N, C-alpha and C. Protein backbone atom coordinates (compact mmCIF):
# COMPACT_ATOMS: atom_id res chain seq x y z
N MET A 1 15.43 10.96 17.98
CA MET A 1 15.14 10.19 16.76
C MET A 1 15.99 10.61 15.62
N ASN A 2 16.42 9.66 14.83
CA ASN A 2 17.17 9.91 13.59
C ASN A 2 16.19 10.27 12.51
N TYR A 3 16.04 11.62 12.29
CA TYR A 3 15.00 12.04 11.36
C TYR A 3 15.31 11.71 9.90
N ILE A 4 16.60 11.67 9.56
CA ILE A 4 16.98 11.28 8.19
C ILE A 4 16.57 9.86 7.91
N ALA A 5 16.83 8.97 8.84
CA ALA A 5 16.45 7.60 8.64
C ALA A 5 14.94 7.46 8.61
N PHE A 6 14.29 8.15 9.55
CA PHE A 6 12.82 8.13 9.61
C PHE A 6 12.16 8.55 8.34
N PHE A 7 12.49 9.79 7.88
CA PHE A 7 11.88 10.31 6.68
C PHE A 7 12.28 9.52 5.41
N SER A 8 13.48 8.97 5.37
CA SER A 8 13.86 8.16 4.24
C SER A 8 13.02 6.88 4.21
N PHE A 9 12.87 6.23 5.36
CA PHE A 9 12.04 5.05 5.46
C PHE A 9 10.60 5.33 5.04
N VAL A 10 10.04 6.38 5.60
CA VAL A 10 8.63 6.73 5.31
C VAL A 10 8.48 7.03 3.80
N PHE A 11 9.43 7.86 3.23
CA PHE A 11 9.27 8.20 1.80
C PHE A 11 9.44 7.03 0.89
N PHE A 12 10.47 6.29 1.02
CA PHE A 12 10.80 5.20 0.11
C PHE A 12 9.78 4.08 0.25
N THR A 13 9.33 3.79 1.44
CA THR A 13 8.31 2.73 1.63
C THR A 13 6.96 3.16 1.03
N SER A 14 6.66 4.46 1.14
CA SER A 14 5.36 4.90 0.64
C SER A 14 5.33 5.15 -0.88
N ILE A 15 6.46 5.54 -1.48
CA ILE A 15 6.43 5.92 -2.87
C ILE A 15 6.72 4.72 -3.82
N THR A 16 7.37 3.71 -3.32
CA THR A 16 7.75 2.58 -4.22
C THR A 16 6.53 1.76 -4.53
N PRO A 17 6.58 1.03 -5.67
CA PRO A 17 5.41 0.24 -6.05
C PRO A 17 5.02 -0.75 -4.96
N GLY A 18 3.78 -0.82 -4.73
CA GLY A 18 3.21 -1.75 -3.77
C GLY A 18 1.76 -1.86 -4.15
N PRO A 19 0.99 -2.68 -3.41
CA PRO A 19 -0.42 -2.90 -3.73
C PRO A 19 -1.24 -1.55 -3.90
N ASN A 20 -1.05 -0.61 -2.97
CA ASN A 20 -1.81 0.66 -3.08
C ASN A 20 -1.41 1.46 -4.34
N ASN A 21 -0.10 1.59 -4.51
CA ASN A 21 0.34 2.41 -5.67
C ASN A 21 0.03 1.82 -7.00
N ILE A 22 0.15 0.49 -7.09
CA ILE A 22 -0.18 -0.17 -8.36
C ILE A 22 -1.67 -0.13 -8.61
N SER A 23 -2.49 -0.35 -7.56
CA SER A 23 -3.90 -0.29 -7.68
C SER A 23 -4.37 1.15 -8.08
N ALA A 24 -3.76 2.19 -7.46
CA ALA A 24 -4.16 3.56 -7.74
C ALA A 24 -3.82 3.83 -9.24
N MET A 25 -2.66 3.39 -9.71
CA MET A 25 -2.32 3.62 -11.07
C MET A 25 -3.29 2.88 -12.02
N MET A 26 -3.62 1.67 -11.68
CA MET A 26 -4.52 0.86 -12.54
C MET A 26 -5.93 1.45 -12.55
N TYR A 27 -6.44 1.89 -11.37
CA TYR A 27 -7.75 2.50 -11.31
C TYR A 27 -7.87 3.75 -12.20
N SER A 28 -6.84 4.64 -12.09
CA SER A 28 -6.84 5.87 -12.81
C SER A 28 -6.70 5.60 -14.32
N SER A 29 -5.89 4.62 -14.65
CA SER A 29 -5.70 4.31 -16.02
C SER A 29 -6.99 3.64 -16.65
N LYS A 30 -7.56 2.81 -15.96
CA LYS A 30 -8.72 2.06 -16.49
C LYS A 30 -10.00 2.82 -16.35
N TYR A 31 -10.22 3.53 -15.20
CA TYR A 31 -11.52 4.13 -14.97
C TYR A 31 -11.50 5.68 -15.02
N GLY A 32 -10.32 6.24 -15.03
CA GLY A 32 -10.23 7.72 -15.11
C GLY A 32 -9.71 8.31 -13.79
N PHE A 33 -9.34 9.58 -13.90
CA PHE A 33 -8.71 10.30 -12.78
C PHE A 33 -9.62 10.33 -11.51
N ARG A 34 -10.87 10.61 -11.73
CA ARG A 34 -11.74 10.74 -10.53
C ARG A 34 -11.86 9.44 -9.78
N LYS A 35 -11.95 8.32 -10.49
CA LYS A 35 -12.03 7.04 -9.82
C LYS A 35 -10.74 6.71 -9.10
N GLY A 36 -9.59 7.08 -9.69
CA GLY A 36 -8.30 6.92 -8.94
C GLY A 36 -8.21 7.72 -7.69
N VAL A 37 -8.79 8.93 -7.73
CA VAL A 37 -8.81 9.76 -6.49
C VAL A 37 -9.74 9.11 -5.45
N LEU A 38 -10.85 8.58 -5.87
CA LEU A 38 -11.75 7.89 -4.97
C LEU A 38 -11.06 6.70 -4.29
N PHE A 39 -10.31 5.97 -5.04
CA PHE A 39 -9.50 4.86 -4.49
C PHE A 39 -8.53 5.38 -3.38
N VAL A 40 -7.85 6.51 -3.72
CA VAL A 40 -6.93 7.08 -2.74
C VAL A 40 -7.66 7.53 -1.49
N PHE A 41 -8.89 8.03 -1.67
CA PHE A 41 -9.71 8.47 -0.50
C PHE A 41 -9.97 7.22 0.39
N GLY A 42 -10.28 6.12 -0.29
CA GLY A 42 -10.51 4.87 0.47
C GLY A 42 -9.26 4.48 1.21
N CYS A 43 -8.10 4.59 0.55
CA CYS A 43 -6.78 4.29 1.18
C CYS A 43 -6.63 5.18 2.44
N LEU A 44 -7.00 6.45 2.33
CA LEU A 44 -6.86 7.35 3.46
C LEU A 44 -7.71 6.86 4.63
N ILE A 45 -8.93 6.49 4.37
CA ILE A 45 -9.80 5.97 5.45
C ILE A 45 -9.15 4.75 6.06
N GLY A 46 -8.72 3.81 5.24
CA GLY A 46 -8.07 2.63 5.74
C GLY A 46 -6.78 2.89 6.49
N PHE A 47 -5.99 3.87 6.00
CA PHE A 47 -4.76 4.28 6.72
C PHE A 47 -5.07 4.82 8.09
N LEU A 48 -6.10 5.70 8.15
CA LEU A 48 -6.46 6.27 9.44
C LEU A 48 -6.81 5.23 10.46
N CYS A 49 -7.58 4.19 10.06
CA CYS A 49 -7.97 3.15 11.00
C CYS A 49 -6.77 2.23 11.33
N LEU A 50 -5.98 1.89 10.25
CA LEU A 50 -4.89 0.93 10.53
C LEU A 50 -3.77 1.60 11.37
N MET A 51 -3.44 2.86 11.10
CA MET A 51 -2.41 3.52 11.87
C MET A 51 -2.85 3.64 13.36
N LEU A 52 -4.13 3.89 13.59
CA LEU A 52 -4.58 3.97 14.94
C LEU A 52 -4.44 2.63 15.65
N CYS A 53 -4.82 1.55 14.99
CA CYS A 53 -4.70 0.23 15.55
C CYS A 53 -3.25 -0.10 15.86
N CYS A 54 -2.36 0.24 14.91
CA CYS A 54 -0.93 -0.09 15.09
C CYS A 54 -0.31 0.79 16.22
N ALA A 55 -0.78 2.02 16.34
CA ALA A 55 -0.29 2.86 17.41
C ALA A 55 -0.66 2.32 18.79
N VAL A 56 -1.93 1.82 18.83
CA VAL A 56 -2.47 1.32 20.13
C VAL A 56 -1.81 -0.01 20.52
N PHE A 57 -1.70 -0.91 19.59
CA PHE A 57 -1.22 -2.26 19.85
C PHE A 57 0.23 -2.57 19.45
N SER A 58 1.01 -1.54 19.06
CA SER A 58 2.31 -1.82 18.55
C SER A 58 3.27 -2.43 19.62
N SER A 59 3.13 -1.96 20.85
CA SER A 59 3.99 -2.49 21.88
C SER A 59 3.79 -4.01 22.08
N ILE A 60 2.54 -4.46 22.00
CA ILE A 60 2.25 -5.90 22.12
C ILE A 60 2.76 -6.65 20.91
N LEU A 61 2.48 -6.11 19.70
CA LEU A 61 2.92 -6.74 18.52
C LEU A 61 4.40 -6.76 18.39
N TYR A 62 5.10 -5.71 18.87
CA TYR A 62 6.56 -5.64 18.78
C TYR A 62 7.18 -6.80 19.53
N GLU A 63 6.63 -7.14 20.69
CA GLU A 63 7.13 -8.24 21.48
C GLU A 63 6.84 -9.56 20.88
N THR A 64 5.78 -9.71 20.08
CA THR A 64 5.42 -11.01 19.53
C THR A 64 5.75 -11.18 18.07
N ILE A 65 6.46 -10.19 17.50
CA ILE A 65 6.77 -10.28 16.06
C ILE A 65 7.50 -11.56 15.67
N PRO A 66 8.48 -12.04 16.45
CA PRO A 66 9.08 -13.32 16.05
C PRO A 66 8.06 -14.46 15.90
N ALA A 67 7.06 -14.50 16.76
CA ALA A 67 6.11 -15.61 16.69
C ALA A 67 5.11 -15.42 15.58
N ILE A 68 4.79 -14.19 15.21
CA ILE A 68 3.76 -14.01 14.16
C ILE A 68 4.37 -13.71 12.80
N LYS A 69 5.66 -13.56 12.72
CA LYS A 69 6.32 -13.22 11.45
C LYS A 69 5.96 -14.20 10.29
N PRO A 70 6.01 -15.52 10.57
CA PRO A 70 5.63 -16.46 9.48
C PRO A 70 4.16 -16.26 8.96
N PHE A 71 3.24 -15.92 9.85
CA PHE A 71 1.91 -15.70 9.43
C PHE A 71 1.77 -14.43 8.59
N PHE A 72 2.46 -13.36 9.01
CA PHE A 72 2.47 -12.15 8.21
C PHE A 72 3.06 -12.44 6.81
N LEU A 73 4.19 -13.13 6.78
CA LEU A 73 4.82 -13.42 5.50
C LEU A 73 3.99 -14.29 4.57
N THR A 74 3.35 -15.32 5.13
CA THR A 74 2.50 -16.20 4.39
C THR A 74 1.29 -15.45 3.79
N GLY A 75 0.65 -14.67 4.64
CA GLY A 75 -0.50 -13.83 4.24
C GLY A 75 -0.06 -12.82 3.13
N GLY A 76 1.04 -12.20 3.38
CA GLY A 76 1.60 -11.24 2.39
C GLY A 76 1.92 -11.87 1.06
N ALA A 77 2.55 -13.04 1.08
CA ALA A 77 2.92 -13.71 -0.15
C ALA A 77 1.67 -14.15 -0.91
N LEU A 78 0.66 -14.69 -0.20
CA LEU A 78 -0.58 -15.06 -0.89
C LEU A 78 -1.31 -13.84 -1.49
N TYR A 79 -1.24 -12.71 -0.75
CA TYR A 79 -1.90 -11.47 -1.24
C TYR A 79 -1.15 -10.96 -2.48
N MET A 80 0.18 -11.02 -2.51
CA MET A 80 0.93 -10.61 -3.67
C MET A 80 0.63 -11.48 -4.86
N ILE A 81 0.46 -12.80 -4.66
CA ILE A 81 0.14 -13.71 -5.76
C ILE A 81 -1.29 -13.34 -6.26
N TYR A 82 -2.22 -13.02 -5.35
CA TYR A 82 -3.56 -12.62 -5.80
C TYR A 82 -3.48 -11.36 -6.61
N LEU A 83 -2.73 -10.37 -6.14
CA LEU A 83 -2.57 -9.10 -6.91
C LEU A 83 -1.96 -9.34 -8.29
N ALA A 84 -0.94 -10.24 -8.32
CA ALA A 84 -0.35 -10.54 -9.58
C ALA A 84 -1.33 -11.13 -10.57
N TRP A 85 -2.23 -11.98 -10.08
CA TRP A 85 -3.22 -12.58 -10.95
C TRP A 85 -4.20 -11.52 -11.47
N ILE A 86 -4.61 -10.59 -10.57
CA ILE A 86 -5.52 -9.48 -10.93
C ILE A 86 -4.87 -8.59 -12.02
N VAL A 87 -3.59 -8.25 -11.78
CA VAL A 87 -2.89 -7.45 -12.76
C VAL A 87 -2.69 -8.15 -14.07
N TRP A 88 -2.39 -9.43 -14.02
CA TRP A 88 -2.12 -10.19 -15.22
C TRP A 88 -3.40 -10.31 -16.07
N LYS A 89 -4.55 -10.57 -15.46
CA LYS A 89 -5.74 -10.77 -16.21
C LYS A 89 -6.41 -9.47 -16.62
N ASN A 90 -5.94 -8.34 -16.13
CA ASN A 90 -6.45 -7.01 -16.55
C ASN A 90 -6.13 -6.78 -18.03
N LYS A 91 -7.17 -6.60 -18.86
CA LYS A 91 -6.98 -6.49 -20.23
C LYS A 91 -6.72 -4.98 -20.64
N PRO A 92 -5.85 -4.75 -21.61
CA PRO A 92 -5.70 -3.38 -22.06
C PRO A 92 -7.05 -2.88 -22.55
N HIS A 93 -7.25 -1.55 -22.48
CA HIS A 93 -8.55 -0.97 -22.75
C HIS A 93 -8.44 0.16 -23.74
N SER A 94 -9.52 0.40 -24.41
CA SER A 94 -9.58 1.47 -25.35
C SER A 94 -10.45 2.63 -24.82
N GLY A 95 -11.27 2.40 -23.85
CA GLY A 95 -12.09 3.44 -23.26
C GLY A 95 -12.22 3.18 -21.78
N LYS A 96 -12.78 4.14 -21.10
CA LYS A 96 -13.02 4.00 -19.66
C LYS A 96 -14.17 3.07 -19.37
N THR A 97 -14.02 2.22 -18.39
CA THR A 97 -15.08 1.32 -17.95
C THR A 97 -15.83 1.89 -16.76
N PRO A 98 -17.13 1.87 -16.82
CA PRO A 98 -17.88 2.39 -15.69
C PRO A 98 -17.72 1.47 -14.44
N MET A 99 -17.67 2.09 -13.26
CA MET A 99 -17.56 1.32 -12.03
C MET A 99 -18.13 2.18 -10.92
N LYS A 100 -18.87 1.54 -10.00
CA LYS A 100 -19.48 2.34 -8.90
C LYS A 100 -18.41 2.91 -7.99
N SER A 101 -18.59 4.19 -7.63
CA SER A 101 -17.61 4.88 -6.80
C SER A 101 -17.49 4.30 -5.42
N THR A 102 -18.64 3.80 -4.85
CA THR A 102 -18.59 3.25 -3.54
C THR A 102 -17.76 1.99 -3.44
N HIS A 103 -17.71 1.21 -4.54
CA HIS A 103 -16.89 0.01 -4.53
C HIS A 103 -15.39 0.39 -4.48
N ILE A 104 -15.02 1.43 -5.19
CA ILE A 104 -13.62 1.85 -5.23
C ILE A 104 -13.19 2.32 -3.85
N VAL A 105 -14.00 3.16 -3.20
CA VAL A 105 -13.63 3.70 -1.90
C VAL A 105 -13.54 2.57 -0.88
N LEU A 106 -14.53 1.61 -0.91
CA LEU A 106 -14.51 0.47 0.00
C LEU A 106 -13.26 -0.36 -0.24
N HIS A 107 -12.95 -0.62 -1.51
CA HIS A 107 -11.77 -1.43 -1.86
C HIS A 107 -10.50 -0.78 -1.35
N GLY A 108 -10.38 0.54 -1.56
CA GLY A 108 -9.24 1.25 -1.02
C GLY A 108 -9.05 1.17 0.44
N ALA A 109 -10.21 1.30 1.19
CA ALA A 109 -10.16 1.20 2.66
C ALA A 109 -9.83 -0.20 3.15
N LEU A 110 -10.49 -1.16 2.59
CA LEU A 110 -10.32 -2.54 3.10
C LEU A 110 -8.99 -3.16 2.71
N GLN A 111 -8.41 -2.66 1.59
CA GLN A 111 -7.12 -3.20 1.14
C GLN A 111 -6.01 -2.96 2.13
N GLN A 112 -6.13 -1.91 3.00
CA GLN A 112 -5.12 -1.62 3.96
C GLN A 112 -5.00 -2.71 5.01
N PHE A 113 -6.07 -3.39 5.28
CA PHE A 113 -6.04 -4.37 6.39
C PHE A 113 -5.51 -5.72 5.90
N ILE A 114 -5.35 -5.93 4.59
CA ILE A 114 -4.74 -7.12 4.13
C ILE A 114 -3.46 -6.82 3.32
N ASN A 115 -3.07 -5.53 3.34
CA ASN A 115 -1.84 -5.17 2.66
C ASN A 115 -0.63 -5.27 3.61
N ILE A 116 0.10 -6.31 3.43
CA ILE A 116 1.18 -6.61 4.39
C ILE A 116 2.24 -5.57 4.34
N LYS A 117 2.43 -4.90 3.25
CA LYS A 117 3.41 -3.82 3.18
C LYS A 117 3.05 -2.68 4.09
N VAL A 118 1.81 -2.33 4.13
CA VAL A 118 1.31 -1.24 4.97
C VAL A 118 1.35 -1.66 6.44
N ILE A 119 0.94 -2.90 6.73
CA ILE A 119 0.92 -3.38 8.12
C ILE A 119 2.36 -3.37 8.70
N ILE A 120 3.29 -3.98 7.96
CA ILE A 120 4.67 -3.99 8.44
C ILE A 120 5.25 -2.59 8.52
N TYR A 121 4.93 -1.79 7.56
CA TYR A 121 5.34 -0.37 7.62
C TYR A 121 4.85 0.31 8.87
N ALA A 122 3.55 0.17 9.17
CA ALA A 122 2.98 0.86 10.31
C ALA A 122 3.58 0.35 11.60
N ILE A 123 3.74 -0.93 11.69
CA ILE A 123 4.35 -1.50 12.95
C ILE A 123 5.81 -1.03 13.09
N THR A 124 6.52 -1.06 12.02
CA THR A 124 7.92 -0.64 12.08
C THR A 124 8.05 0.83 12.44
N VAL A 125 7.28 1.68 11.87
CA VAL A 125 7.35 3.19 12.13
C VAL A 125 7.01 3.38 13.60
N TRP A 126 5.94 2.82 14.09
CA TRP A 126 5.56 3.09 15.48
C TRP A 126 6.54 2.50 16.53
N THR A 127 6.95 1.24 16.30
CA THR A 127 7.86 0.63 17.28
C THR A 127 9.30 1.08 17.23
N THR A 128 9.75 1.44 15.99
CA THR A 128 11.21 1.83 15.83
C THR A 128 11.40 3.31 15.98
N PHE A 129 10.51 4.13 15.42
CA PHE A 129 10.77 5.55 15.34
C PHE A 129 9.94 6.40 16.32
N ILE A 130 8.69 6.11 16.44
CA ILE A 130 7.81 7.05 17.14
C ILE A 130 7.77 6.75 18.66
N LEU A 131 7.28 5.57 19.05
CA LEU A 131 7.06 5.29 20.46
C LEU A 131 8.36 5.33 21.35
N PRO A 132 9.49 4.97 20.86
CA PRO A 132 10.71 5.11 21.72
C PRO A 132 11.07 6.56 22.04
N HIS A 133 10.59 7.51 21.22
CA HIS A 133 11.06 8.86 21.36
C HIS A 133 9.97 9.88 21.72
N TYR A 134 8.73 9.50 21.57
CA TYR A 134 7.62 10.43 21.86
C TYR A 134 6.59 9.76 22.76
N ASN A 135 6.16 10.51 23.77
CA ASN A 135 5.13 9.93 24.64
C ASN A 135 4.01 10.95 24.96
N THR A 136 4.07 12.16 24.46
CA THR A 136 2.97 13.12 24.69
C THR A 136 1.87 12.89 23.74
N LEU A 137 0.64 13.11 24.15
CA LEU A 137 -0.49 12.89 23.30
C LEU A 137 -0.48 13.74 22.07
N SER A 138 -0.06 14.98 22.20
CA SER A 138 -0.10 15.90 21.02
C SER A 138 0.94 15.43 20.00
N ALA A 139 2.14 14.95 20.42
CA ALA A 139 3.10 14.44 19.49
C ALA A 139 2.65 13.21 18.74
N LEU A 140 2.06 12.28 19.53
CA LEU A 140 1.56 11.03 18.93
C LEU A 140 0.44 11.33 17.93
N ILE A 141 -0.42 12.29 18.22
CA ILE A 141 -1.54 12.62 17.34
C ILE A 141 -0.94 13.23 16.07
N GLY A 142 0.10 14.12 16.22
CA GLY A 142 0.70 14.72 15.05
C GLY A 142 1.33 13.70 14.18
N TRP A 143 2.07 12.76 14.68
CA TRP A 143 2.70 11.68 13.90
C TRP A 143 1.64 10.81 13.29
N TYR A 144 0.56 10.54 14.01
CA TYR A 144 -0.51 9.72 13.45
C TYR A 144 -1.11 10.37 12.24
N ILE A 145 -1.38 11.63 12.31
CA ILE A 145 -1.97 12.33 11.15
C ILE A 145 -1.00 12.35 10.02
N PHE A 146 0.30 12.66 10.27
CA PHE A 146 1.27 12.72 9.22
C PHE A 146 1.36 11.33 8.52
N LEU A 147 1.57 10.30 9.27
CA LEU A 147 1.70 8.99 8.71
C LEU A 147 0.46 8.48 7.99
N SER A 148 -0.73 8.84 8.49
CA SER A 148 -1.93 8.40 7.84
C SER A 148 -2.18 9.14 6.52
N CYS A 149 -1.65 10.28 6.37
CA CYS A 149 -1.85 11.08 5.12
C CYS A 149 -0.73 10.87 4.11
N PHE A 150 0.45 10.52 4.56
CA PHE A 150 1.60 10.52 3.64
C PHE A 150 1.48 9.35 2.60
N GLY A 151 1.06 8.17 3.06
CA GLY A 151 0.88 7.06 2.13
C GLY A 151 -0.14 7.34 1.00
N PRO A 152 -1.37 7.81 1.39
CA PRO A 152 -2.30 8.16 0.32
C PRO A 152 -1.81 9.30 -0.59
N ILE A 153 -0.97 10.22 -0.13
CA ILE A 153 -0.42 11.24 -0.96
C ILE A 153 0.46 10.62 -2.02
N CYS A 154 1.26 9.61 -1.61
CA CYS A 154 2.12 8.94 -2.57
C CYS A 154 1.30 8.10 -3.59
N ALA A 155 0.19 7.52 -3.08
CA ALA A 155 -0.67 6.77 -4.01
C ALA A 155 -1.35 7.74 -4.99
N PHE A 156 -1.61 8.99 -4.57
CA PHE A 156 -2.16 9.97 -5.50
C PHE A 156 -1.15 10.29 -6.63
N CYS A 157 0.13 10.30 -6.30
CA CYS A 157 1.12 10.48 -7.36
C CYS A 157 1.02 9.38 -8.39
N TRP A 158 0.71 8.21 -8.00
CA TRP A 158 0.56 7.09 -8.92
C TRP A 158 -0.72 7.23 -9.72
N VAL A 159 -1.75 7.86 -9.10
CA VAL A 159 -2.99 8.17 -9.89
C VAL A 159 -2.60 9.05 -11.10
N ILE A 160 -1.77 10.08 -10.80
CA ILE A 160 -1.40 11.01 -11.83
C ILE A 160 -0.58 10.24 -12.96
N VAL A 161 0.29 9.33 -12.51
CA VAL A 161 1.05 8.51 -13.47
C VAL A 161 0.07 7.68 -14.36
N GLY A 162 -0.90 7.06 -13.69
CA GLY A 162 -1.83 6.21 -14.44
C GLY A 162 -2.68 7.05 -15.42
N THR A 163 -3.05 8.24 -15.06
CA THR A 163 -3.80 9.13 -15.94
C THR A 163 -2.96 9.68 -17.07
N SER A 164 -1.75 10.10 -16.71
CA SER A 164 -0.86 10.71 -17.66
C SER A 164 -0.37 9.78 -18.76
N PHE A 165 -0.15 8.52 -18.42
CA PHE A 165 0.39 7.55 -19.33
C PHE A 165 -0.71 6.56 -19.81
N ASP A 166 -1.95 7.03 -19.85
CA ASP A 166 -3.12 6.21 -20.18
C ASP A 166 -2.94 5.59 -21.55
N LYS A 167 -2.59 6.42 -22.57
CA LYS A 167 -2.46 5.90 -23.93
C LYS A 167 -1.35 4.89 -24.06
N LEU A 168 -0.17 5.20 -23.37
CA LEU A 168 0.94 4.33 -23.42
C LEU A 168 0.60 2.97 -22.77
N LEU A 169 -0.09 3.08 -21.61
CA LEU A 169 -0.50 1.89 -20.93
C LEU A 169 -1.51 1.05 -21.73
N GLY A 170 -2.33 1.77 -22.48
CA GLY A 170 -3.32 1.10 -23.32
C GLY A 170 -2.64 0.39 -24.47
N LYS A 171 -1.62 1.01 -25.04
CA LYS A 171 -0.95 0.46 -26.19
C LYS A 171 -0.04 -0.73 -25.77
N TYR A 172 0.64 -0.59 -24.69
CA TYR A 172 1.58 -1.65 -24.21
C TYR A 172 1.07 -2.32 -22.89
N GLY A 173 -0.28 -2.37 -22.78
CA GLY A 173 -0.90 -2.85 -21.51
C GLY A 173 -0.49 -4.27 -21.18
N ILE A 174 -0.35 -5.12 -22.16
CA ILE A 174 -0.03 -6.52 -21.90
C ILE A 174 1.40 -6.61 -21.32
N VAL A 175 2.31 -5.90 -21.90
CA VAL A 175 3.68 -5.88 -21.42
C VAL A 175 3.80 -5.29 -20.02
N VAL A 176 3.12 -4.11 -19.79
CA VAL A 176 3.13 -3.47 -18.51
C VAL A 176 2.53 -4.37 -17.44
N ASN A 177 1.38 -4.98 -17.73
CA ASN A 177 0.75 -5.94 -16.83
C ASN A 177 1.64 -7.09 -16.51
N ALA A 178 2.37 -7.65 -17.49
CA ALA A 178 3.21 -8.77 -17.27
C ALA A 178 4.40 -8.36 -16.35
N VAL A 179 4.98 -7.18 -16.60
CA VAL A 179 6.08 -6.76 -15.79
C VAL A 179 5.61 -6.52 -14.31
N MET A 180 4.46 -5.87 -14.16
CA MET A 180 3.97 -5.63 -12.77
C MET A 180 3.59 -6.95 -12.10
N ALA A 181 2.98 -7.87 -12.86
CA ALA A 181 2.63 -9.19 -12.25
C ALA A 181 3.89 -9.97 -11.87
N LEU A 182 4.90 -9.90 -12.69
CA LEU A 182 6.21 -10.59 -12.35
C LEU A 182 6.88 -9.95 -11.13
N GLY A 183 6.79 -8.63 -11.01
CA GLY A 183 7.31 -7.96 -9.88
C GLY A 183 6.63 -8.33 -8.64
N LEU A 184 5.30 -8.46 -8.69
CA LEU A 184 4.53 -8.88 -7.52
C LEU A 184 4.82 -10.34 -7.15
N LEU A 185 5.03 -11.21 -8.21
CA LEU A 185 5.40 -12.61 -7.92
C LEU A 185 6.75 -12.72 -7.28
N TYR A 186 7.68 -11.85 -7.78
CA TYR A 186 9.01 -11.81 -7.11
C TYR A 186 8.90 -11.42 -5.64
N CYS A 187 8.03 -10.45 -5.32
CA CYS A 187 7.87 -10.03 -3.95
C CYS A 187 7.30 -11.18 -3.12
N ALA A 188 6.30 -11.93 -3.73
CA ALA A 188 5.70 -13.06 -3.04
C ALA A 188 6.73 -14.16 -2.78
N ALA A 189 7.58 -14.38 -3.77
CA ALA A 189 8.61 -15.41 -3.65
C ALA A 189 9.62 -15.00 -2.53
N ALA A 190 10.02 -13.75 -2.55
CA ALA A 190 10.97 -13.27 -1.50
C ALA A 190 10.41 -13.47 -0.14
N MET A 191 9.10 -13.15 0.01
CA MET A 191 8.43 -13.29 1.29
C MET A 191 8.36 -14.75 1.70
N ALA A 192 8.03 -15.63 0.73
CA ALA A 192 7.92 -17.05 0.98
C ALA A 192 9.26 -17.65 1.45
N PHE A 193 10.40 -17.20 0.79
CA PHE A 193 11.69 -17.73 1.16
C PHE A 193 12.08 -17.20 2.52
N ASP A 194 11.62 -16.01 2.87
CA ASP A 194 11.96 -15.46 4.16
C ASP A 194 11.34 -16.20 5.32
N ILE A 195 10.27 -16.94 5.09
CA ILE A 195 9.61 -17.72 6.11
C ILE A 195 10.53 -18.81 6.60
N PHE A 196 11.36 -19.37 5.71
CA PHE A 196 12.22 -20.53 6.07
C PHE A 196 13.60 -20.17 6.52
N ARG A 197 13.87 -18.81 6.71
CA ARG A 197 15.18 -18.39 7.13
C ARG A 197 15.32 -18.64 8.60
């Protein structure tokens, strides 16, 4: 396996802005550090389940990707538009808003199953990097644990960003929300255009 390509792909896919990282930053900024950590814990639960599903079914999905690609792209584009709307309507805040912890953990876990970035990431990692080169149970379990934990670790970095820049985000919240919403809409448009290629 080309470890440089593998670790580059894993790092840049996990650390760049996406639904998990943006949500983690917004939760920590709006509700506080603890709630951001709870969201990341939910992401970890979702990652553990999703990575296992992708590891088990990746060989089947890998063969059918050309047939299901338009569905993935359509779902992903719609999800990005939904997230852009949520980010846009999020109002700048002056204080922390209370929210139940269980809702945050559940949202973090369930988001993984509709997060097209994570689904495509998981399928790509398993079919391109892991399964062609490893077939022992211990190696597969090791990669499963690593991949399931790395994404939430990167989301935790965004929790720190959201907490650290809370005052800045509060002061320029409308501008930050507009930029993030436009970025998500750009991603949605790119995915929609890719359907017709």
